Amino acid sequence: MYPETTTLLASFGALFQDTLVMVLVLLSPFIVFAIVIHWLELAIQFRLSQRFGWKAVLWTGWLGTPIHELSHVAMCWLFRHKVDEIELFEPDRESGRLGYVKHSFRKGNWYEELGNVFIGVAPLVGGSLALAALLLMFYPEAAAAAVDSARDANLGTGEEPTSAVGQVLGSVWAISQELLLWSHFFTIKFWVFLYLVLCVGSHMAPSGSDYRGALRGVLLFGTIVVATALVLALLKTDVSNFISQAVGLLSPVFAVFGLTMVLCFIATSVVYLLTAFIPRFFR
């Protein structure tokens, strides 16, 4: 093989590696977050429906479903989709649907096509913001601890900021230390807060139809992400430095991720503990 060919292949290999690293590192936290929230929501709803039947979903859906649907609506407005029909809370036992938003867009318009991705996953954003607001209302000291943790992680202890995973874990630890105090378990405020968290957290994962709607813009979204990473790699961007700066900019997002996951995990754990001795009456 000619030396020129070997050099060219090595260059393409390095370019591909840099592009792949940037895409995976920056997108993986969002993917993991969606998977964890989806799993926790399924666990909560499965447990409640086993013990109390389908109507148990209504005990939480009255709040969680409107937030879910309004999140779709907000993204529809942002990406110029037309909202054709909306029901914030209309339970239907046969279909399992609690609410819905029907929207339309102009096919061929790249901005509106791209919006399908963000409209589909909008409940993750809306639910996370709602949980952050609840924490700020009930336990502002825990919210402040999460902000401080994100800021400290962004500054880092050395030359570079903490990784995305480190920031999420730091936020989880900071919130847990402030929120899970033994004295809190003996207050009405804590249980009201936990119930509202359960209402929001058990309905914030996108539904199957939401994911199917998002697929209409996934190809375009993926193309933009990969093309951006490819351009940065062609410009000989320092991958490590770029990722560190990106993680720093996204630190508030990762702080909210940590908050959301720890609150949903606490709510799920409490539901399982409180229903551990209740017989399973329903399939």
C-alpha atoms as a PDB file:
ATOM      1  CA  MET A   1       0.000   0.000   0.000  1.00  0.00           C
ATOM      2  CA  TYR A   2       1.333   3.442  -0.935  1.00  0.00           C
ATOM      3  CA  PRO A   3       2.361   5.742   1.945  1.00  0.00           C
ATOM      4  CA  GLU A   4      -0.069   8.399   0.684  1.00  0.00           C
ATOM      5  CA  THR A   5      -2.944   5.925   0.884  1.00  0.00           C
ATOM      6  CA  THR A   6      -1.955   4.874   4.382  1.00  0.00           C
ATOM      7  CA  THR A   7      -1.804   8.498   5.513  1.00  0.00           C
ATOM      8  CA  LEU A   8      -5.198   9.224   3.943  1.00  0.00           C
ATOM      9  CA  LEU A   9      -6.817   6.236   5.641  1.00  0.00           C
ATOM     10  CA  ALA A  10      -5.291   7.232   8.969  1.00  0.00           C
ATOM     11  CA  SER A  11      -6.659  10.748   8.546  1.00  0.00           C
ATOM     12  CA  PHE A  12     -10.143   9.440   7.755  1.00  0.00           C
ATOM     13  CA  GLY A  13      -9.919   7.075  10.731  1.00  0.00           C
ATOM     14  CA  ALA A  14      -8.966   9.888  13.103  1.00  0.00           C
ATOM     15  CA  LEU A  15     -11.710  12.092  11.651  1.00  0.00           C
ATOM     16  CA  PHE A  16     -14.305   9.351  12.131  1.00  0.00           C
ATOM     17  CA  GLN A  17     -13.133   8.700  15.676  1.00  0.00           C
ATOM     18  CA  ASP A  18     -13.285  12.368  16.683  1.00  0.00           C
ATOM     19  CA  THR A  19     -16.752  12.736  15.164  1.00  0.00           C
ATOM     20  CA  LEU A  20     -18.039   9.614  16.911  1.00  0.00           C
ATOM     21  CA  VAL A  21     -16.614  10.654  20.277  1.00  0.00           C
ATOM     22  CA  MET A  22     -18.235  14.095  20.148  1.00  0.00           C
ATOM     23  CA  VAL A  23     -21.628  12.682  19.152  1.00  0.00           C
ATOM     24  CA  LEU A  24     -21.654   9.913  21.743  1.00  0.00           C
ATOM     25  CA  VAL A  25     -20.341  11.937  24.668  1.00  0.00           C
ATOM     26  CA  LEU A  26     -22.779  14.820  24.166  1.00  0.00           C
ATOM     27  CA  LEU A  27     -25.875  12.764  23.306  1.00  0.00           C
ATOM     28  CA  SER A  28     -25.451   9.809  25.678  1.00  0.00           C
ATOM     29  CA  PRO A  29     -26.501  11.721  28.852  1.00  0.00           C
ATOM     30  CA  PHE A  30     -29.794  12.690  27.195  1.00  0.00           C
ATOM     31  CA  ILE A  31     -30.426   9.119  26.034  1.00  0.00           C
ATOM     32  CA  VAL A  32     -29.621   7.622  29.441  1.00  0.00           C
ATOM     33  CA  PHE A  33     -31.841  10.211  31.140  1.00  0.00           C
ATOM     34  CA  ALA A  34     -34.795   9.326  28.881  1.00  0.00           C
ATOM     35  CA  ILE A  35     -34.323   5.591  29.512  1.00  0.00           C
ATOM     36  CA  VAL A  36     -34.104   5.988  33.301  1.00  0.00           C
ATOM     37  CA  ILE A  37     -37.188   8.227  33.514  1.00  0.00           C
ATOM     38  CA  HIS A  38     -39.163   5.900  31.241  1.00  0.00           C
ATOM     39  CA  TRP A  39     -38.239   2.887  33.373  1.00  0.00           C
ATOM     40  CA  LEU A  40     -39.155   4.634  36.643  1.00  0.00           C
ATOM     41  CA  GLU A  41     -42.500   5.770  35.240  1.00  0.00           C
ATOM     42  CA  LEU A  42     -43.355   2.252  34.106  1.00  0.00           C
ATOM     43  CA  ALA A  43     -42.373   0.885  37.526  1.00  0.00           C
ATOM     44  CA  ILE A  44     -44.637   3.336  39.367  1.00  0.00           C
ATOM     45  CA  GLN A  45     -47.650   2.873  37.117  1.00  0.00           C
ATOM     46  CA  PHE A  46     -47.263  -0.923  37.110  1.00  0.00           C
ATOM     47  CA  ARG A  47     -47.148  -1.050  40.894  1.00  0.00           C
ATOM     48  CA  LEU A  48     -50.125   1.255  41.419  1.00  0.00           C
ATOM     49  CA  SER A  49     -52.269  -0.497  38.814  1.00  0.00           C
ATOM     50  CA  GLN A  50     -51.505  -3.910  40.350  1.00  0.00           C
ATOM     51  CA  ARG A  51     -52.586  -2.793  43.809  1.00  0.00           C
ATOM     52  CA  PHE A  52     -55.406  -0.366  43.063  1.00  0.00           C
ATOM     53  CA  GLY A  53     -56.481  -0.940  39.459  1.00  0.00           C
ATOM     54  CA  TRP A  54     -56.485   1.353  36.432  1.00  0.00           C
ATOM     55  CA  LYS A  55     -58.115   4.228  38.320  1.00  0.00           C
ATOM     56  CA  ALA A  56     -54.968   4.597  40.410  1.00  0.00           C
ATOM     57  CA  VAL A  57     -53.421   6.315  37.402  1.00  0.00           C
ATOM     58  CA  LEU A  58     -56.013   9.077  37.791  1.00  0.00           C
ATOM     59  CA  TRP A  59     -54.719   9.897  41.274  1.00  0.00           C
ATOM     60  CA  THR A  60     -51.535  11.189  39.684  1.00  0.00           C
ATOM     61  CA  GLY A  61     -52.695  11.937  36.139  1.00  0.00           C
ATOM     62  CA  TRP A  62     -54.803  14.964  37.092  1.00  0.00           C
ATOM     63  CA  LEU A  63     -51.567  16.964  37.441  1.00  0.00           C
ATOM     64  CA  GLY A  64     -48.955  15.024  35.511  1.00  0.00           C
ATOM     65  CA  THR A  65     -50.967  14.680  32.300  1.00  0.00           C
ATOM     66  CA  PRO A  66     -51.700  18.405  31.770  1.00  0.00           C
ATOM     67  CA  ILE A  67     -48.002  19.185  32.313  1.00  0.00           C
ATOM     68  CA  HIS A  68     -47.155  16.436  29.813  1.00  0.00           C
ATOM     69  CA  GLU A  69     -49.532  17.778  27.175  1.00  0.00           C
ATOM     70  CA  LEU A  70     -48.694  21.445  27.735  1.00  0.00           C
ATOM     71  CA  SER A  71     -45.046  20.567  27.177  1.00  0.00           C
ATOM     72  CA  HIS A  72     -46.002  19.295  23.718  1.00  0.00           C
ATOM     73  CA  VAL A  73     -47.965  22.481  23.059  1.00  0.00           C
ATOM     74  CA  ALA A  74     -45.062  24.727  24.077  1.00  0.00           C
ATOM     75  CA  MET A  75     -42.735  22.955  21.639  1.00  0.00           C
ATOM     76  CA  CYS A  76     -45.390  23.085  18.929  1.00  0.00           C
ATOM     77  CA  TRP A  77     -45.485  26.862  19.267  1.00  0.00           C
ATOM     78  CA  LEU A  78     -41.693  27.084  19.316  1.00  0.00           C
ATOM     79  CA  PHE A  79     -41.358  25.117  16.080  1.00  0.00           C
ATOM     80  CA  ARG A  80     -44.356  26.747  14.378  1.00  0.00           C
ATOM     81  CA  HIS A  81     -46.571  23.645  14.344  1.00  0.00           C
ATOM     82  CA  LYS A  82     -50.311  24.174  14.236  1.00  0.00           C
ATOM     83  CA  VAL A  83     -52.119  22.775  17.298  1.00  0.00           C
ATOM     84  CA  ASP A  84     -55.244  21.210  15.797  1.00  0.00           C
ATOM     85  CA  GLU A  85     -56.737  19.670  18.927  1.00  0.00           C
ATOM     86  CA  ILE A  86     -55.817  19.376  22.581  1.00  0.00           C
ATOM     87  CA  GLU A  87     -57.198  17.551  25.610  1.00  0.00           C
ATOM     88  CA  LEU A  88     -55.232  18.175  28.777  1.00  0.00           C
ATOM     89  CA  PHE A  89     -56.950  15.435  30.784  1.00  0.00           C
ATOM     90  CA  GLU A  90     -59.468  13.078  29.205  1.00  0.00           C
ATOM     91  CA  PRO A  91     -58.949   9.540  30.549  1.00  0.00           C
ATOM     92  CA  ASP A  92     -59.890   6.694  28.223  1.00  0.00           C
ATOM     93  CA  ARG A  93     -59.600   3.286  29.832  1.00  0.00           C
ATOM     94  CA  GLU A  94     -59.857   1.310  26.592  1.00  0.00           C
ATOM     95  CA  SER A  95     -56.900   3.006  24.931  1.00  0.00           C
ATOM     96  CA  GLY A  96     -55.100   3.880  28.168  1.00  0.00           C
ATOM     97  CA  ARG A  97     -54.823   7.458  26.979  1.00  0.00           C
ATOM     98  CA  LEU A  98     -55.163  10.248  29.520  1.00  0.00           C
ATOM     99  CA  GLY A  99     -54.779  13.246  27.209  1.00  0.00           C
ATOM    100  CA  TYR A 100     -53.494  14.177  23.791  1.00  0.00           C
ATOM    101  CA  VAL A 101     -52.304  16.909  21.452  1.00  0.00           C
ATOM    102  CA  LYS A 102     -52.865  16.747  17.707  1.00  0.00           C
ATOM    103  CA  HIS A 103     -50.645  18.999  15.628  1.00  0.00           C
ATOM    104  CA  SER A 104     -49.702  19.508  12.002  1.00  0.00           C
ATOM    105  CA  PHE A 105     -46.773  21.021  10.123  1.00  0.00           C
ATOM    106  CA  ARG A 106     -45.641  21.890   6.623  1.00  0.00           C
ATOM    107  CA  LYS A 107     -43.814  18.951   5.116  1.00  0.00           C
ATOM    108  CA  GLY A 108     -40.581  19.971   3.471  1.00  0.00           C
ATOM    109  CA  ASN A 109     -39.981  22.799   5.921  1.00  0.00           C
ATOM    110  CA  TRP A 110     -36.739  21.696   7.626  1.00  0.00           C
ATOM    111  CA  TYR A 111     -37.356  23.724  10.796  1.00  0.00           C
ATOM    112  CA  GLU A 112     -40.821  22.287  11.334  1.00  0.00           C
ATOM    113  CA  GLU A 113     -39.632  18.784  10.420  1.00  0.00           C
ATOM    114  CA  LEU A 114     -36.850  19.085  12.992  1.00  0.00           C
ATOM    115  CA  GLY A 115     -39.415  20.234  15.553  1.00  0.00           C
ATOM    116  CA  ASN A 116     -40.973  16.754  15.618  1.00  0.00           C
ATOM    117  CA  VAL A 117     -37.995  15.486  17.625  1.00  0.00           C
ATOM    118  CA  PHE A 118     -38.315  18.162  20.292  1.00  0.00           C
ATOM    119  CA  ILE A 119     -42.124  17.994  20.383  1.00  0.00           C
ATOM    120  CA  GLY A 120     -41.937  14.248  20.945  1.00  0.00           C
ATOM    121  CA  VAL A 121     -39.558  14.439  23.904  1.00  0.00           C
ATOM    122  CA  ALA A 122     -40.987  17.710  25.274  1.00  0.00           C
ATOM    123  CA  PRO A 123     -42.576  16.064  28.378  1.00  0.00           C
ATOM    124  CA  LEU A 124     -39.090  15.199  29.633  1.00  0.00           C
ATOM    125  CA  VAL A 125     -38.226  18.892  29.533  1.00  0.00           C
ATOM    126  CA  GLY A 126     -41.563  20.133  30.903  1.00  0.00           C
ATOM    127  CA  GLY A 127     -41.646  17.529  33.648  1.00  0.00           C
ATOM    128  CA  SER A 128     -38.063  18.288  34.693  1.00  0.00           C
ATOM    129  CA  LEU A 129     -38.797  22.015  34.901  1.00  0.00           C
ATOM    130  CA  ALA A 130     -41.964  21.324  36.903  1.00  0.00           C
ATOM    131  CA  LEU A 131     -40.017  19.171  39.378  1.00  0.00           C
ATOM    132  CA  ALA A 132     -37.337  21.847  39.679  1.00  0.00           C
ATOM    133  CA  ALA A 133     -40.073  24.394  40.422  1.00  0.00           C
ATOM    134  CA  LEU A 134     -41.572  22.113  43.087  1.00  0.00           C
ATOM    135  CA  LEU A 135     -38.200  21.676  44.747  1.00  0.00           C
ATOM    136  CA  LEU A 136     -37.642  25.432  44.709  1.00  0.00           C
ATOM    137  CA  MET A 137     -41.075  26.025  46.264  1.00  0.00           C
ATOM    138  CA  PHE A 138     -40.871  23.374  48.996  1.00  0.00           C
ATOM    139  CA  TYR A 139     -37.134  23.004  49.665  1.00  0.00           C
ATOM    140  CA  PRO A 140     -35.197  25.972  48.270  1.00  0.00           C
ATOM    141  CA  GLU A 141     -32.096  24.925  50.229  1.00  0.00           C
ATOM    142  CA  ALA A 142     -31.971  21.648  48.264  1.00  0.00           C
ATOM    143  CA  ALA A 143     -32.371  23.541  44.988  1.00  0.00           C
ATOM    144  CA  ALA A 144     -29.531  25.867  46.013  1.00  0.00           C
ATOM    145  CA  ALA A 145     -27.348  22.844  46.802  1.00  0.00           C
ATOM    146  CA  ALA A 146     -27.961  21.477  43.303  1.00  0.00           C
ATOM    147  CA  VAL A 147     -27.013  24.816  41.732  1.00  0.00           C
ATOM    148  CA  ASP A 148     -23.858  25.040  43.845  1.00  0.00           C
ATOM    149  CA  SER A 149     -22.916  21.477  42.908  1.00  0.00           C
ATOM    150  CA  ALA A 150     -23.336  22.228  39.200  1.00  0.00           C
ATOM    151  CA  ARG A 151     -21.286  25.423  39.507  1.00  0.00           C
ATOM    152  CA  ASP A 152     -18.485  23.686  41.406  1.00  0.00           C
ATOM    153  CA  ALA A 153     -18.452  20.845  38.871  1.00  0.00           C
ATOM    154  CA  ASN A 154     -18.289  23.366  36.040  1.00  0.00           C
ATOM    155  CA  LEU A 155     -15.249  25.045  37.631  1.00  0.00           C
ATOM    156  CA  GLY A 156     -13.664  21.712  38.397  1.00  0.00           C
ATOM    157  CA  THR A 157     -10.963  20.903  40.908  1.00  0.00           C
ATOM    158  CA  GLY A 158      -8.230  20.890  38.306  1.00  0.00           C
ATOM    159  CA  GLU A 159      -7.781  22.341  34.858  1.00  0.00           C
ATOM    160  CA  GLU A 160     -10.938  20.885  33.335  1.00  0.00           C
ATOM    161  CA  PRO A 161     -14.600  20.791  34.388  1.00  0.00           C
ATOM    162  CA  THR A 162     -16.106  17.601  35.728  1.00  0.00           C
ATOM    163  CA  SER A 163     -17.597  15.150  33.214  1.00  0.00           C
ATOM    164  CA  ALA A 164     -21.322  15.056  32.430  1.00  0.00           C
ATOM    165  CA  VAL A 165     -21.750  11.897  34.529  1.00  0.00           C
ATOM    166  CA  GLY A 166     -19.851  13.505  37.390  1.00  0.00           C
ATOM    167  CA  GLN A 167     -22.101  16.556  37.271  1.00  0.00           C
ATOM    168  CA  VAL A 168     -25.268  14.466  37.386  1.00  0.00           C
ATOM    169  CA  LEU A 169     -23.966  12.355  40.286  1.00  0.00           C
ATOM    170  CA  GLY A 170     -22.855  15.487  42.106  1.00  0.00           C
ATOM    171  CA  SER A 171     -26.312  17.010  41.795  1.00  0.00           C
ATOM    172  CA  VAL A 172     -27.931  13.781  42.977  1.00  0.00           C
ATOM    173  CA  TRP A 173     -25.701  13.681  46.051  1.00  0.00           C
ATOM    174  CA  ALA A 174     -26.229  17.362  46.871  1.00  0.00           C
ATOM    175  CA  ILE A 175     -30.021  17.110  46.630  1.00  0.00           C
ATOM    176  CA  SER A 176     -30.169  13.862  48.596  1.00  0.00           C
ATOM    177  CA  GLN A 177     -28.173  15.341  51.478  1.00  0.00           C
ATOM    178  CA  GLU A 178     -30.563  18.264  51.821  1.00  0.00           C
ATOM    179  CA  LEU A 179     -33.823  16.483  51.081  1.00  0.00           C
ATOM    180  CA  LEU A 180     -33.536  13.073  52.730  1.00  0.00           C
ATOM    181  CA  LEU A 181     -33.214  14.296  56.288  1.00  0.00           C
ATOM    182  CA  TRP A 182     -34.796  12.086  58.930  1.00  0.00           C
ATOM    183  CA  SER A 183     -36.761  15.033  60.338  1.00  0.00           C
ATOM    184  CA  HIS A 184     -38.449  15.644  56.970  1.00  0.00           C
ATOM    185  CA  PHE A 185     -40.223  12.289  57.075  1.00  0.00           C
ATOM    186  CA  PHE A 186     -42.299  13.495  60.026  1.00  0.00           C
ATOM    187  CA  THR A 187     -43.652  16.608  58.317  1.00  0.00           C
ATOM    188  CA  ILE A 188     -46.787  16.999  56.200  1.00  0.00           C
ATOM    189  CA  LYS A 189     -44.863  19.254  53.829  1.00  0.00           C
ATOM    190  CA  PHE A 190     -42.527  16.427  52.829  1.00  0.00           C
ATOM    191  CA  TRP A 191     -45.361  14.032  51.992  1.00  0.00           C
ATOM    192  CA  VAL A 192     -47.304  16.667  50.044  1.00  0.00           C
ATOM    193  CA  PHE A 193     -44.113  17.427  48.127  1.00  0.00           C
ATOM    194  CA  LEU A 194     -43.502  13.734  47.482  1.00  0.00           C
ATOM    195  CA  TYR A 195     -47.069  13.241  46.243  1.00  0.00           C
ATOM    196  CA  LEU A 196     -46.746  16.135  43.785  1.00  0.00           C
ATOM    197  CA  VAL A 197     -43.405  14.735  42.621  1.00  0.00           C
ATOM    198  CA  LEU A 198     -45.138  11.396  42.068  1.00  0.00           C
ATOM    199  CA  CYS A 199     -47.884  13.104  40.043  1.00  0.00           C
ATOM    200  CA  VAL A 200     -45.385  14.807  37.735  1.00  0.00           C
ATOM    201  CA  GLY A 201     -42.729  12.105  37.611  1.00  0.00           C
ATOM    202  CA  SER A 202     -45.093   9.265  36.779  1.00  0.00           C
ATOM    203  CA  HIS A 203     -46.368  11.019  33.640  1.00  0.00           C
ATOM    204  CA  MET A 204     -43.336  12.797  32.185  1.00  0.00           C
ATOM    205  CA  ALA A 205     -41.954  10.055  29.945  1.00  0.00           C
ATOM    206  CA  PRO A 206     -42.952  10.308  26.259  1.00  0.00           C
ATOM    207  CA  SER A 207     -45.569   7.794  25.157  1.00  0.00           C
ATOM    208  CA  GLY A 208     -45.230   5.371  22.269  1.00  0.00           C
ATOM    209  CA  SER A 209     -47.064   7.781  19.979  1.00  0.00           C
ATOM    210  CA  ASP A 210     -44.746  10.585  21.123  1.00  0.00           C
ATOM    211  CA  TYR A 211     -41.690   8.566  20.128  1.00  0.00           C
ATOM    212  CA  ARG A 212     -43.261   7.644  16.791  1.00  0.00           C
ATOM    213  CA  GLY A 213     -43.929  11.327  16.129  1.00  0.00           C
ATOM    214  CA  ALA A 214     -40.341  12.181  17.040  1.00  0.00           C
ATOM    215  CA  LEU A 215     -39.033   9.668  14.505  1.00  0.00           C
ATOM    216  CA  ARG A 216     -40.229  11.949  11.699  1.00  0.00           C
ATOM    217  CA  GLY A 217     -37.451  14.379  12.520  1.00  0.00           C
ATOM    218  CA  VAL A 218     -34.787  12.027  13.879  1.00  0.00           C
ATOM    219  CA  LEU A 219     -33.010  11.580  10.538  1.00  0.00           C
ATOM    220  CA  LEU A 220     -32.729  15.330  10.022  1.00  0.00           C
ATOM    221  CA  PHE A 221     -31.663  15.879  13.632  1.00  0.00           C
ATOM    222  CA  GLY A 222     -29.055  13.123  13.411  1.00  0.00           C
ATOM    223  CA  THR A 223     -27.726  14.542  10.147  1.00  0.00           C
ATOM    224  CA  ILE A 224     -27.319  18.004  11.696  1.00  0.00           C
ATOM    225  CA  VAL A 225     -25.567  16.633  14.781  1.00  0.00           C
ATOM    226  CA  VAL A 226     -23.185  14.413  12.806  1.00  0.00           C
ATOM    227  CA  ALA A 227     -22.492  17.149  10.230  1.00  0.00           C
ATOM    228  CA  THR A 228     -21.695  19.638  13.006  1.00  0.00           C
ATOM    229  CA  ALA A 229     -19.348  17.180  14.704  1.00  0.00           C
ATOM    230  CA  LEU A 230     -17.737  16.382  11.342  1.00  0.00           C
ATOM    231  CA  VAL A 231     -17.114  20.057  10.575  1.00  0.00           C
ATOM    232  CA  LEU A 232     -15.564  20.552  14.019  1.00  0.00           C
ATOM    233  CA  ALA A 233     -13.339  17.521  13.446  1.00  0.00           C
ATOM    234  CA  LEU A 234     -12.293  18.831  10.004  1.00  0.00           C
ATOM    235  CA  LEU A 235     -11.354  22.135  11.616  1.00  0.00           C
ATOM    236  CA  LYS A 236      -8.961  20.199  13.852  1.00  0.00           C
ATOM    237  CA  THR A 237     -10.938  21.089  16.968  1.00  0.00           C
ATOM    238  CA  ASP A 238      -9.425  19.766  20.184  1.00  0.00           C
ATOM    239  CA  VAL A 239     -12.024  17.116  21.052  1.00  0.00           C
ATOM    240  CA  SER A 240     -11.272  17.028  24.782  1.00  0.00           C
ATOM    241  CA  ASN A 241     -11.362  20.797  25.101  1.00  0.00           C
ATOM    242  CA  PHE A 242     -14.566  21.074  23.058  1.00  0.00           C
ATOM    243  CA  ILE A 243     -16.334  18.430  25.152  1.00  0.00           C
ATOM    244  CA  SER A 244     -15.181  20.108  28.391  1.00  0.00           C
ATOM    245  CA  GLN A 245     -16.538  23.468  27.240  1.00  0.00           C
ATOM    246  CA  ALA A 246     -19.806  21.896  26.052  1.00  0.00           C
ATOM    247  CA  VAL A 247     -20.253  20.088  29.368  1.00  0.00           C
ATOM    248  CA  GLY A 248     -19.652  23.373  31.154  1.00  0.00           C
ATOM    249  CA  LEU A 249     -22.354  25.111  29.120  1.00  0.00           C
ATOM    250  CA  LEU A 250     -24.757  22.229  29.712  1.00  0.00           C
ATOM    251  CA  SER A 251     -24.111  22.055  33.458  1.00  0.00           C
ATOM    252  CA  PRO A 252     -27.532  23.586  34.359  1.00  0.00           C
ATOM    253  CA  VAL A 253     -29.200  20.930  32.189  1.00  0.00           C
ATOM    254  CA  PHE A 254     -27.262  18.153  33.885  1.00  0.00           C
ATOM    255  CA  ALA A 255     -28.172  19.597  37.284  1.00  0.00           C
ATOM    256  CA  VAL A 256     -31.864  19.368  36.357  1.00  0.00           C
ATOM    257  CA  PHE A 257     -31.275  15.810  35.086  1.00  0.00           C
ATOM    258  CA  GLY A 258     -29.825  14.866  38.451  1.00  0.00           C
ATOM    259  CA  LEU A 259     -32.695  16.535  40.289  1.00  0.00           C
ATOM    260  CA  THR A 260     -35.315  14.798  38.162  1.00  0.00           C
ATOM    261  CA  MET A 261     -33.808  11.345  38.473  1.00  0.00           C
ATOM    262  CA  VAL A 262     -33.309  11.494  42.233  1.00  0.00           C
ATOM    263  CA  LEU A 263     -36.831  12.814  42.871  1.00  0.00           C
ATOM    264  CA  CYS A 264     -38.427  10.189  40.612  1.00  0.00           C
ATOM    265  CA  PHE A 265     -36.326   7.465  42.214  1.00  0.00           C
ATOM    266  CA  ILE A 266     -37.367   8.580  45.707  1.00  0.00           C
ATOM    267  CA  ALA A 267     -41.039   8.639  44.676  1.00  0.00           C
ATOM    268  CA  THR A 268     -40.758   5.174  43.112  1.00  0.00           C
ATOM    269  CA  SER A 269     -39.039   3.742  46.180  1.00  0.00           C
ATOM    270  CA  VAL A 270     -41.646   5.168  48.548  1.00  0.00           C
ATOM    271  CA  VAL A 271     -44.501   3.780  46.433  1.00  0.00           C
ATOM    272  CA  TYR A 272     -42.952   0.302  46.511  1.00  0.00           C
ATOM    273  CA  LEU A 273     -42.320   0.464  50.251  1.00  0.00           C
ATOM    274  CA  LEU A 274     -45.817   1.693  51.129  1.00  0.00           C
ATOM    275  CA  THR A 275     -47.504  -0.930  48.940  1.00  0.00           C
ATOM    276  CA  ALA A 276     -45.229  -3.836  49.899  1.00  0.00           C
ATOM    277  CA  PHE A 277     -47.846  -5.380  52.201  1.00  0.00           C
ATOM    278  CA  ILE A 278     -50.886  -4.630  50.055  1.00  0.00           C
ATOM    279  CA  PRO A 279     -52.075  -7.713  48.136  1.00  0.00           C
ATOM    280  CA  ARG A 280     -52.061  -7.644  44.349  1.00  0.00           C
ATOM    281  CA  PHE A 281     -55.703  -7.455  43.299  1.00  0.00           C
ATOM    282  CA  PHE A 282     -55.359  -6.565  39.620  1.00  0.00           C
ATOM    283  CA  ARG A 283     -53.386  -7.802  36.637  1.00  0.00           C
END
